[in-house]
Amino acid sequence: MLTKEICPRCQGNGFIKVKESIENPIDIVQQCTMCKSQGEIMIDEPRFKNIQKERDLLSVAHIKKLEEEIDMLRKQKIYLQSKLREKGNQDDKRR
């Protein structure tokens, strides 16, 4: 049986925030594609419960851990890019 439920992705807002890119982590607002910006979806009850269960697995602590890993990877990227530039400058000086 289908029921009308608040969209689990946008929480009924119709819009979600996403990061522009890895290099430019600015929040941008997008329309929710799950509910087509309506804030509600028609869904069967077993599927809705499954979506809720998956969402609950992504606890705040888990999200924070992932954000810390992303920050670490960004720092590593910056470090490696600086080493690559240094190597390029050394090669230019040798010529």
N, C-alpha and C. Protein backbone atom coordinates (compact mmCIF):
# COMPACT_ATOMS: atom_id res chain seq x y z
N MET A 1 0.84 -1.18 0.00
CA MET A 1 0.00 0.00 0.00
C MET A 1 0.89 1.25 0.00
N LEU A 2 0.58 2.18 -0.86
CA LEU A 2 1.35 3.41 -0.94
C LEU A 2 0.81 4.43 0.05
N THR A 3 1.74 5.12 0.66
CA THR A 3 1.37 6.20 1.58
C THR A 3 2.18 7.43 1.24
N LYS A 4 1.66 8.56 1.60
CA LYS A 4 2.37 9.82 1.40
C LYS A 4 3.20 10.09 2.64
N GLU A 5 4.51 10.24 2.44
CA GLU A 5 5.43 10.47 3.55
C GLU A 5 6.29 11.69 3.28
N ILE A 6 6.78 12.29 4.34
CA ILE A 6 7.73 13.39 4.19
C ILE A 6 9.00 12.83 3.57
N CYS A 7 9.54 13.53 2.62
CA CYS A 7 10.73 13.07 1.91
C CYS A 7 11.89 12.90 2.90
N PRO A 8 12.49 11.71 2.96
CA PRO A 8 13.59 11.48 3.89
C PRO A 8 14.88 12.18 3.49
N ARG A 9 14.98 12.57 2.24
CA ARG A 9 16.21 13.21 1.78
C ARG A 9 16.25 14.69 2.16
N CYS A 10 15.17 15.40 1.90
CA CYS A 10 15.16 16.85 2.16
C CYS A 10 14.38 17.22 3.42
N GLN A 11 13.83 16.22 4.10
CA GLN A 11 13.05 16.43 5.32
C GLN A 11 11.82 17.32 5.09
N GLY A 12 11.25 17.24 3.88
CA GLY A 12 10.04 18.00 3.57
C GLY A 12 10.30 19.41 3.09
N ASN A 13 11.55 19.80 3.01
CA ASN A 13 11.89 21.15 2.59
C ASN A 13 11.79 21.33 1.08
N GLY A 14 12.08 20.28 0.33
CA GLY A 14 12.07 20.37 -1.12
C GLY A 14 13.44 20.73 -1.69
N PHE A 15 14.37 21.09 -0.83
CA PHE A 15 15.71 21.48 -1.27
C PHE A 15 16.74 20.81 -0.38
N ILE A 16 17.93 20.59 -0.94
CA ILE A 16 19.03 19.99 -0.18
C ILE A 16 20.29 20.83 -0.41
N LYS A 17 21.22 20.73 0.53
CA LYS A 17 22.52 21.39 0.38
C LYS A 17 23.53 20.34 -0.06
N VAL A 18 24.33 20.69 -1.07
CA VAL A 18 25.40 19.82 -1.53
C VAL A 18 26.66 20.65 -1.68
N LYS A 19 27.80 19.98 -1.66
CA LYS A 19 29.07 20.66 -1.85
C LYS A 19 29.27 20.88 -3.35
N GLU A 20 29.80 22.04 -3.71
CA GLU A 20 30.02 22.35 -5.12
C GLU A 20 30.99 21.36 -5.75
N SER A 21 32.11 21.11 -5.08
CA SER A 21 33.08 20.13 -5.55
C SER A 21 34.06 19.84 -4.41
N ILE A 22 34.94 18.89 -4.64
CA ILE A 22 35.95 18.58 -3.63
C ILE A 22 36.90 19.75 -3.48
N GLU A 23 37.29 20.35 -4.61
CA GLU A 23 38.22 21.47 -4.56
C GLU A 23 37.59 22.73 -3.99
N ASN A 24 36.28 22.89 -4.18
CA ASN A 24 35.57 24.08 -3.74
C ASN A 24 34.38 23.64 -2.87
N PRO A 25 34.62 23.34 -1.57
CA PRO A 25 33.58 22.74 -0.74
C PRO A 25 32.54 23.74 -0.20
N ILE A 26 32.02 24.56 -1.06
CA ILE A 26 31.00 25.53 -0.66
C ILE A 26 29.63 24.87 -0.80
N ASP A 27 28.77 25.08 0.20
CA ASP A 27 27.41 24.55 0.13
C ASP A 27 26.62 25.30 -0.93
N ILE A 28 25.94 24.54 -1.78
CA ILE A 28 25.00 25.14 -2.72
C ILE A 28 23.65 24.45 -2.54
N VAL A 29 22.59 25.16 -2.80
CA VAL A 29 21.24 24.63 -2.61
C VAL A 29 20.76 24.07 -3.94
N GLN A 30 20.25 22.85 -3.90
CA GLN A 30 19.72 22.17 -5.08
C GLN A 30 18.30 21.71 -4.79
N GLN A 31 17.51 21.56 -5.84
CA GLN A 31 16.19 20.99 -5.67
C GLN A 31 16.33 19.51 -5.38
N CYS A 32 15.48 19.00 -4.51
CA CYS A 32 15.52 17.58 -4.16
C CYS A 32 14.97 16.76 -5.33
N THR A 33 15.79 15.85 -5.85
CA THR A 33 15.35 15.02 -6.97
C THR A 33 14.50 13.84 -6.52
N MET A 34 14.60 13.49 -5.23
CA MET A 34 13.82 12.35 -4.75
C MET A 34 12.32 12.67 -4.74
N CYS A 35 11.98 13.88 -4.30
CA CYS A 35 10.56 14.25 -4.22
C CYS A 35 10.17 15.30 -5.27
N LYS A 36 11.11 15.62 -6.15
CA LYS A 36 10.90 16.65 -7.17
C LYS A 36 10.49 17.98 -6.53
N SER A 37 11.14 18.30 -5.43
CA SER A 37 10.94 19.55 -4.67
C SER A 37 9.53 19.71 -4.11
N GLN A 38 8.82 18.60 -3.94
CA GLN A 38 7.47 18.66 -3.37
C GLN A 38 7.49 18.50 -1.85
N GLY A 39 8.55 17.90 -1.31
CA GLY A 39 8.64 17.70 0.12
C GLY A 39 7.99 16.42 0.60
N GLU A 40 7.24 15.76 -0.27
CA GLU A 40 6.58 14.51 0.07
C GLU A 40 6.75 13.52 -1.07
N ILE A 41 6.74 12.25 -0.71
CA ILE A 41 6.82 11.20 -1.71
C ILE A 41 5.75 10.15 -1.44
N MET A 42 5.35 9.48 -2.50
CA MET A 42 4.46 8.33 -2.37
C MET A 42 5.36 7.09 -2.35
N ILE A 43 5.26 6.32 -1.28
CA ILE A 43 6.17 5.20 -1.11
C ILE A 43 5.48 4.09 -0.34
N ASP A 44 5.90 2.85 -0.64
CA ASP A 44 5.34 1.74 0.13
C ASP A 44 6.06 1.67 1.48
N GLU A 45 5.35 1.21 2.48
CA GLU A 45 5.85 1.26 3.86
C GLU A 45 7.15 0.48 4.09
N PRO A 46 7.31 -0.73 3.55
CA PRO A 46 8.59 -1.44 3.79
C PRO A 46 9.79 -0.67 3.23
N ARG A 47 9.63 -0.07 2.06
CA ARG A 47 10.75 0.69 1.48
C ARG A 47 11.05 1.93 2.31
N PHE A 48 10.01 2.60 2.79
CA PHE A 48 10.22 3.79 3.61
C PHE A 48 10.98 3.44 4.89
N LYS A 49 10.62 2.34 5.52
CA LYS A 49 11.32 1.92 6.75
C LYS A 49 12.78 1.59 6.45
N ASN A 50 13.05 0.99 5.28
CA ASN A 50 14.42 0.69 4.89
C ASN A 50 15.23 1.97 4.69
N ILE A 51 14.63 2.97 4.07
CA ILE A 51 15.30 4.27 3.87
C ILE A 51 15.60 4.90 5.22
N GLN A 52 14.64 4.87 6.14
CA GLN A 52 14.86 5.44 7.47
C GLN A 52 15.99 4.72 8.20
N LYS A 53 16.04 3.39 8.09
CA LYS A 53 17.07 2.62 8.77
C LYS A 53 18.46 3.00 8.22
N GLU A 54 18.57 3.11 6.90
CA GLU A 54 19.85 3.48 6.29
C GLU A 54 20.27 4.89 6.73
N ARG A 55 19.32 5.80 6.80
CA ARG A 55 19.61 7.17 7.20
C ARG A 55 20.10 7.23 8.64
N ASP A 56 19.49 6.43 9.50
CA ASP A 56 19.90 6.40 10.90
C ASP A 56 21.32 5.86 11.08
N LEU A 57 21.76 5.00 10.15
CA LEU A 57 23.11 4.47 10.23
C LEU A 57 24.17 5.56 10.07
N LEU A 58 23.82 6.59 9.32
CA LEU A 58 24.75 7.70 9.14
C LEU A 58 24.59 8.68 10.30
N SER A 59 25.07 8.28 11.42
CA SER A 59 24.95 9.11 12.61
C SER A 59 25.85 10.33 12.49
N VAL A 60 25.63 11.27 13.35
CA VAL A 60 26.43 12.49 13.36
C VAL A 60 27.90 12.18 13.54
N ALA A 61 28.20 11.22 14.41
CA ALA A 61 29.60 10.86 14.65
C ALA A 61 30.24 10.29 13.38
N HIS A 62 29.49 9.48 12.66
CA HIS A 62 30.01 8.89 11.43
C HIS A 62 30.27 9.98 10.39
N ILE A 63 29.35 10.90 10.26
CA ILE A 63 29.51 12.00 9.31
C ILE A 63 30.72 12.85 9.69
N LYS A 64 30.88 13.13 10.98
CA LYS A 64 32.03 13.91 11.45
C LYS A 64 33.34 13.20 11.12
N LYS A 65 33.37 11.88 11.30
CA LYS A 65 34.57 11.11 10.98
C LYS A 65 34.88 11.22 9.49
N LEU A 66 33.87 11.12 8.65
CA LEU A 66 34.08 11.24 7.21
C LEU A 66 34.59 12.63 6.83
N GLU A 67 34.05 13.66 7.48
CA GLU A 67 34.50 15.02 7.20
C GLU A 67 35.97 15.20 7.60
N GLU A 68 36.37 14.58 8.72
CA GLU A 68 37.77 14.65 9.14
C GLU A 68 38.68 13.96 8.13
N GLU A 69 38.22 12.83 7.60
CA GLU A 69 39.00 12.13 6.58
C GLU A 69 39.13 12.97 5.32
N ILE A 70 38.06 13.65 4.95
CA ILE A 70 38.10 14.52 3.77
C ILE A 70 39.09 15.64 3.99
N ASP A 71 39.08 16.26 5.18
CA ASP A 71 40.03 17.33 5.48
C ASP A 71 41.46 16.82 5.41
N MET A 72 41.72 15.61 5.94
CA MET A 72 43.05 15.04 5.89
C MET A 72 43.50 14.83 4.44
N LEU A 73 42.60 14.33 3.61
CA LEU A 73 42.93 14.10 2.20
C LEU A 73 43.20 15.42 1.47
N ARG A 74 42.45 16.46 1.81
CA ARG A 74 42.69 17.78 1.20
C ARG A 74 44.09 18.28 1.56
N LYS A 75 44.47 18.12 2.83
CA LYS A 75 45.80 18.56 3.28
C LYS A 75 46.88 17.76 2.57
N GLN A 76 46.68 16.46 2.41
CA GLN A 76 47.64 15.64 1.69
C GLN A 76 47.76 16.09 0.23
N LYS A 77 46.63 16.42 -0.36
CA LYS A 77 46.63 16.89 -1.75
C LYS A 77 47.45 18.17 -1.88
N ILE A 78 47.24 19.11 -0.97
CA ILE A 78 47.97 20.38 -1.00
C ILE A 78 49.47 20.12 -0.83
N TYR A 79 49.83 19.23 0.10
CA TYR A 79 51.24 18.90 0.33
C TYR A 79 51.86 18.30 -0.93
N LEU A 80 51.17 17.33 -1.52
CA LEU A 80 51.71 16.68 -2.71
C LEU A 80 51.81 17.64 -3.89
N GLN A 81 50.85 18.55 -4.02
CA GLN A 81 50.93 19.54 -5.09
C GLN A 81 52.12 20.46 -4.88
N SER A 82 52.40 20.84 -3.63
CA SER A 82 53.54 21.71 -3.37
C SER A 82 54.85 20.98 -3.68
N LYS A 83 54.95 19.70 -3.35
CA LYS A 83 56.14 18.91 -3.67
C LYS A 83 56.31 18.78 -5.18
N LEU A 84 55.22 18.62 -5.88
CA LEU A 84 55.28 18.53 -7.34
C LEU A 84 55.76 19.85 -7.95
N ARG A 85 55.26 20.97 -7.42
CA ARG A 85 55.72 22.29 -7.90
C ARG A 85 57.20 22.48 -7.61
N GLU A 86 57.65 22.09 -6.41
CA GLU A 86 59.08 22.19 -6.07
C GLU A 86 59.92 21.38 -7.04
N LYS A 87 59.49 20.19 -7.34
CA LYS A 87 60.21 19.32 -8.29
C LYS A 87 60.26 19.97 -9.66
N GLY A 88 59.14 20.56 -10.07
CA GLY A 88 59.08 21.25 -11.36
C GLY A 88 60.02 22.43 -11.39
N ASN A 89 60.09 23.19 -10.30
CA ASN A 89 60.99 24.35 -10.23
C ASN A 89 62.45 23.91 -10.28
N GLN A 90 62.78 22.80 -9.63
CA GLN A 90 64.15 22.29 -9.64
C GLN A 90 64.54 21.84 -11.04
N ASP A 91 63.59 21.21 -11.74
CA ASP A 91 63.87 20.77 -13.10
C ASP A 91 64.07 21.96 -14.04
N ASP A 92 63.29 23.05 -13.81
CA ASP A 92 63.42 24.25 -14.64
C ASP A 92 64.79 24.91 -14.42
N LYS A 93 65.27 24.90 -13.19
CA LYS A 93 66.56 25.52 -12.88
C LYS A 93 67.72 24.75 -13.52
N ARG A 94 67.55 23.44 -13.66
CA ARG A 94 68.61 22.61 -14.25
C ARG A 94 68.77 22.86 -15.74
N ARG A 95 67.77 23.34 -16.38
CA ARG A 95 67.81 23.55 -17.83
C ARG A 95 68.55 24.78 -18.16
